N, C-alpha and C. Protein backbone atom coordinates (compact mmCIF):
# COMPACT_ATOMS: atom_id res chain seq x y z
N MET A 1 164.57 45.08 157.24
CA MET A 1 163.33 45.16 158.37
C MET A 1 162.13 44.71 157.33
N ARG A 2 162.18 45.13 156.09
CA ARG A 2 160.99 44.65 155.34
C ARG A 2 161.06 43.17 155.12
N LEU A 3 161.94 42.81 154.87
CA LEU A 3 162.17 41.30 154.61
C LEU A 3 162.06 40.34 155.88
N PHE A 4 162.09 41.13 156.98
CA PHE A 4 162.00 40.40 158.27
C PHE A 4 160.47 40.42 158.54
N ASN A 5 159.70 41.34 158.20
CA ASN A 5 158.39 41.36 158.24
C ASN A 5 157.49 40.44 157.46
N LEU A 6 158.06 40.38 156.22
CA LEU A 6 157.48 39.48 155.08
C LEU A 6 157.82 37.77 155.60
N PHE A 7 158.86 37.74 156.21
CA PHE A 7 159.30 36.43 156.98
C PHE A 7 158.30 36.18 157.97
N ILE A 8 157.92 36.96 158.84
CA ILE A 8 156.98 36.81 159.89
C ILE A 8 155.61 36.59 159.38
N ILE A 9 155.31 37.34 158.43
CA ILE A 9 153.89 37.21 157.94
C ILE A 9 153.49 35.96 157.36
N THR A 10 154.61 35.32 156.73
CA THR A 10 154.48 34.14 155.89
C THR A 10 154.64 33.03 157.03
N ILE A 11 155.40 32.99 157.79
CA ILE A 11 155.28 31.96 159.01
C ILE A 11 153.90 31.96 159.66
N VAL A 12 153.47 33.03 160.01
CA VAL A 12 152.09 33.05 160.65
C VAL A 12 151.03 32.32 159.73
N PHE A 13 150.94 32.71 158.48
CA PHE A 13 150.09 32.43 157.31
C PHE A 13 150.01 30.95 157.49
N LEU A 14 151.46 30.59 157.35
CA LEU A 14 151.53 29.06 157.23
C LEU A 14 151.07 28.09 158.40
N VAL A 15 151.38 28.92 159.78
CA VAL A 15 150.79 28.30 160.99
C VAL A 15 149.36 28.12 160.99
N PHE A 16 148.68 29.30 160.48
CA PHE A 16 147.32 29.22 160.57
C PHE A 16 146.61 28.34 159.44
N ALA A 17 147.38 28.22 158.22
CA ALA A 17 146.88 27.25 157.27
C ALA A 17 146.98 25.74 157.89
N GLN A 18 147.98 25.57 158.46
CA GLN A 18 148.32 23.97 158.99
C GLN A 18 147.06 23.90 160.01
N LEU A 19 146.66 24.82 160.86
CA LEU A 19 145.91 24.57 162.04
C LEU A 19 144.53 24.24 161.26
N SER A 20 144.11 25.06 160.29
CA SER A 20 143.00 25.22 159.71
C SER A 20 142.74 23.78 158.81
N ALA A 21 143.94 23.18 158.56
CA ALA A 21 143.66 22.20 157.77
C ALA A 21 143.43 20.65 158.57
N GLN A 22 143.46 21.00 159.68
CA GLN A 22 143.40 19.54 160.67
C GLN A 22 142.10 19.75 161.41
N THR A 23 140.96 20.26 160.90
CA THR A 23 139.86 20.23 161.63
C THR A 23 138.88 19.02 161.31
N SER A 24 138.43 18.45 162.18
CA SER A 24 137.69 17.28 161.89
C SER A 24 136.57 17.24 160.90
N ILE A 25 136.18 16.25 160.57
CA ILE A 25 134.89 16.15 159.73
C ILE A 25 133.77 15.80 160.66
N TYR A 26 132.69 16.64 160.31
CA TYR A 26 131.26 16.42 160.99
C TYR A 26 130.95 14.76 160.83
N VAL A 27 130.69 14.29 162.14
CA VAL A 27 130.02 12.97 162.08
C VAL A 27 128.85 13.10 162.65
N PRO A 28 127.44 12.59 161.88
CA PRO A 28 126.40 12.81 162.84
C PRO A 28 126.19 11.98 164.03
N ARG A 29 125.49 12.32 164.96
CA ARG A 29 125.17 11.63 166.39
C ARG A 29 125.12 10.17 166.53
N ASP A 30 123.89 9.77 165.32
CA ASP A 30 123.65 8.32 165.38
C ASP A 30 124.87 7.66 164.76
N VAL A 31 125.59 8.06 163.79
CA VAL A 31 126.56 7.55 163.11
C VAL A 31 127.89 7.04 164.27
N ASN A 32 128.13 8.36 165.00
CA ASN A 32 128.92 8.25 166.01
C ASN A 32 128.61 7.13 167.17
N LYS A 33 127.33 6.97 167.41
CA LYS A 33 126.58 6.22 168.44
C LYS A 33 127.11 4.88 168.02
N SER A 34 126.92 4.46 166.74
CA SER A 34 127.19 3.07 166.03
C SER A 34 128.64 2.87 166.16
N TYR A 35 129.49 3.63 165.96
CA TYR A 35 130.80 3.48 166.39
C TYR A 35 131.19 3.19 167.64
N GLU A 36 130.57 3.75 168.73
CA GLU A 36 130.92 3.68 170.15
C GLU A 36 130.29 2.28 170.45
N ASN A 37 129.03 1.74 169.92
CA ASN A 37 128.36 0.47 170.31
C ASN A 37 129.06 -0.64 169.47
N GLY A 38 129.94 -0.46 168.69
CA GLY A 38 130.56 -1.62 168.01
C GLY A 38 129.88 -2.07 166.88
N ILE A 39 128.72 -1.37 166.39
CA ILE A 39 127.87 -1.94 165.08
C ILE A 39 128.53 -1.39 164.00
N ARG A 40 129.61 -0.45 163.77
CA ARG A 40 130.14 -0.20 162.67
C ARG A 40 131.60 0.15 162.91
N ASN A 41 132.53 -0.33 162.11
CA ASN A 41 134.15 0.35 162.42
C ASN A 41 134.17 1.51 161.58
N TYR A 42 135.16 2.21 161.93
CA TYR A 42 135.63 3.42 161.35
C TYR A 42 135.54 3.47 159.90
N ASP A 43 136.35 2.44 159.20
CA ASP A 43 136.40 2.29 157.85
C ASP A 43 135.18 1.80 157.22
N GLY A 44 133.91 1.62 157.89
CA GLY A 44 132.76 1.58 157.19
C GLY A 44 132.31 -0.08 157.06
N THR A 45 133.45 -0.81 157.61
CA THR A 45 132.90 -2.23 157.95
C THR A 45 132.15 -2.60 158.90
N PRO A 46 131.32 -3.67 158.63
CA PRO A 46 130.44 -3.87 160.07
C PRO A 46 131.28 -4.35 161.29
N GLY A 47 130.84 -4.10 162.36
CA GLY A 47 131.62 -4.31 163.59
C GLY A 47 131.13 -5.54 164.36
N GLU A 48 131.78 -5.85 165.59
CA GLU A 48 131.55 -7.03 165.91
C GLU A 48 130.20 -7.30 166.69
N ASN A 49 129.31 -6.36 166.79
CA ASN A 49 127.97 -5.99 167.27
C ASN A 49 126.82 -5.90 166.36
N TYR A 50 127.36 -6.05 164.91
CA TYR A 50 126.42 -5.73 163.75
C TYR A 50 125.46 -6.99 163.68
N TRP A 51 124.38 -6.57 163.13
CA TRP A 51 123.43 -7.76 163.01
C TRP A 51 122.31 -7.44 162.03
N GLN A 52 122.02 -8.45 161.33
CA GLN A 52 120.96 -8.21 160.13
C GLN A 52 119.82 -9.43 160.12
N ASN A 53 118.56 -8.68 160.06
CA ASN A 53 117.67 -9.62 159.88
C ASN A 53 117.62 -10.47 158.60
N GLY A 54 117.24 -11.46 158.53
CA GLY A 54 117.11 -12.43 157.45
C GLY A 54 116.12 -13.29 157.52
N SER A 55 115.32 -13.94 156.32
CA SER A 55 114.47 -14.77 156.02
C SER A 55 114.60 -15.41 154.99
N ASP A 56 113.80 -16.64 155.02
CA ASP A 56 113.76 -17.63 153.77
C ASP A 56 112.46 -17.90 153.36
N TYR A 57 112.26 -17.82 151.95
CA TYR A 57 110.85 -18.10 151.49
C TYR A 57 110.83 -19.34 150.68
N ASN A 58 109.92 -19.83 150.62
CA ASN A 58 109.47 -21.02 149.84
C ASN A 58 108.18 -20.76 148.83
N LEU A 59 108.23 -20.75 147.65
CA LEU A 59 107.25 -20.26 146.90
C LEU A 59 106.74 -21.73 145.93
N ASN A 60 105.44 -21.61 145.85
CA ASN A 60 104.97 -22.37 145.00
C ASN A 60 104.05 -21.83 143.87
N VAL A 61 104.56 -22.16 142.52
CA VAL A 61 103.78 -21.30 141.58
C VAL A 61 103.37 -21.92 140.55
N GLU A 62 102.14 -21.91 140.13
CA GLU A 62 101.46 -22.63 138.88
C GLU A 62 101.14 -21.81 137.94
N ILE A 63 101.75 -21.82 136.75
CA ILE A 63 101.49 -21.09 135.62
C ILE A 63 100.19 -21.83 134.93
N ILE A 64 99.18 -20.98 134.46
CA ILE A 64 98.05 -21.54 133.71
C ILE A 64 98.16 -20.79 132.25
N HIS A 65 98.34 -21.29 131.28
CA HIS A 65 98.64 -20.88 129.84
C HIS A 65 97.18 -20.55 129.21
N PRO A 66 96.95 -19.47 128.73
CA PRO A 66 95.42 -19.46 128.37
C PRO A 66 95.09 -20.08 126.96
N TYR A 67 96.27 -20.53 126.18
CA TYR A 67 96.12 -21.19 125.17
C TYR A 67 96.32 -22.73 125.10
N GLY A 68 96.54 -23.23 126.22
CA GLY A 68 97.01 -24.52 125.86
C GLY A 68 96.60 -25.57 126.93
């Protein structure tokens, strides 16, 4: 009888341990929204709707040396 009770307690413990190990990780709403909108993929890479601002600059520089 005592061995049977120990067996039941062990089974219950293992079931609860397994259930608690499968909780999902918290994902903030704005990050989850970017997944839904296709801006980011779940692995972190840019999605099909990802966009990024860009610009090109042309600089003209003149260096005036004080000794020469």
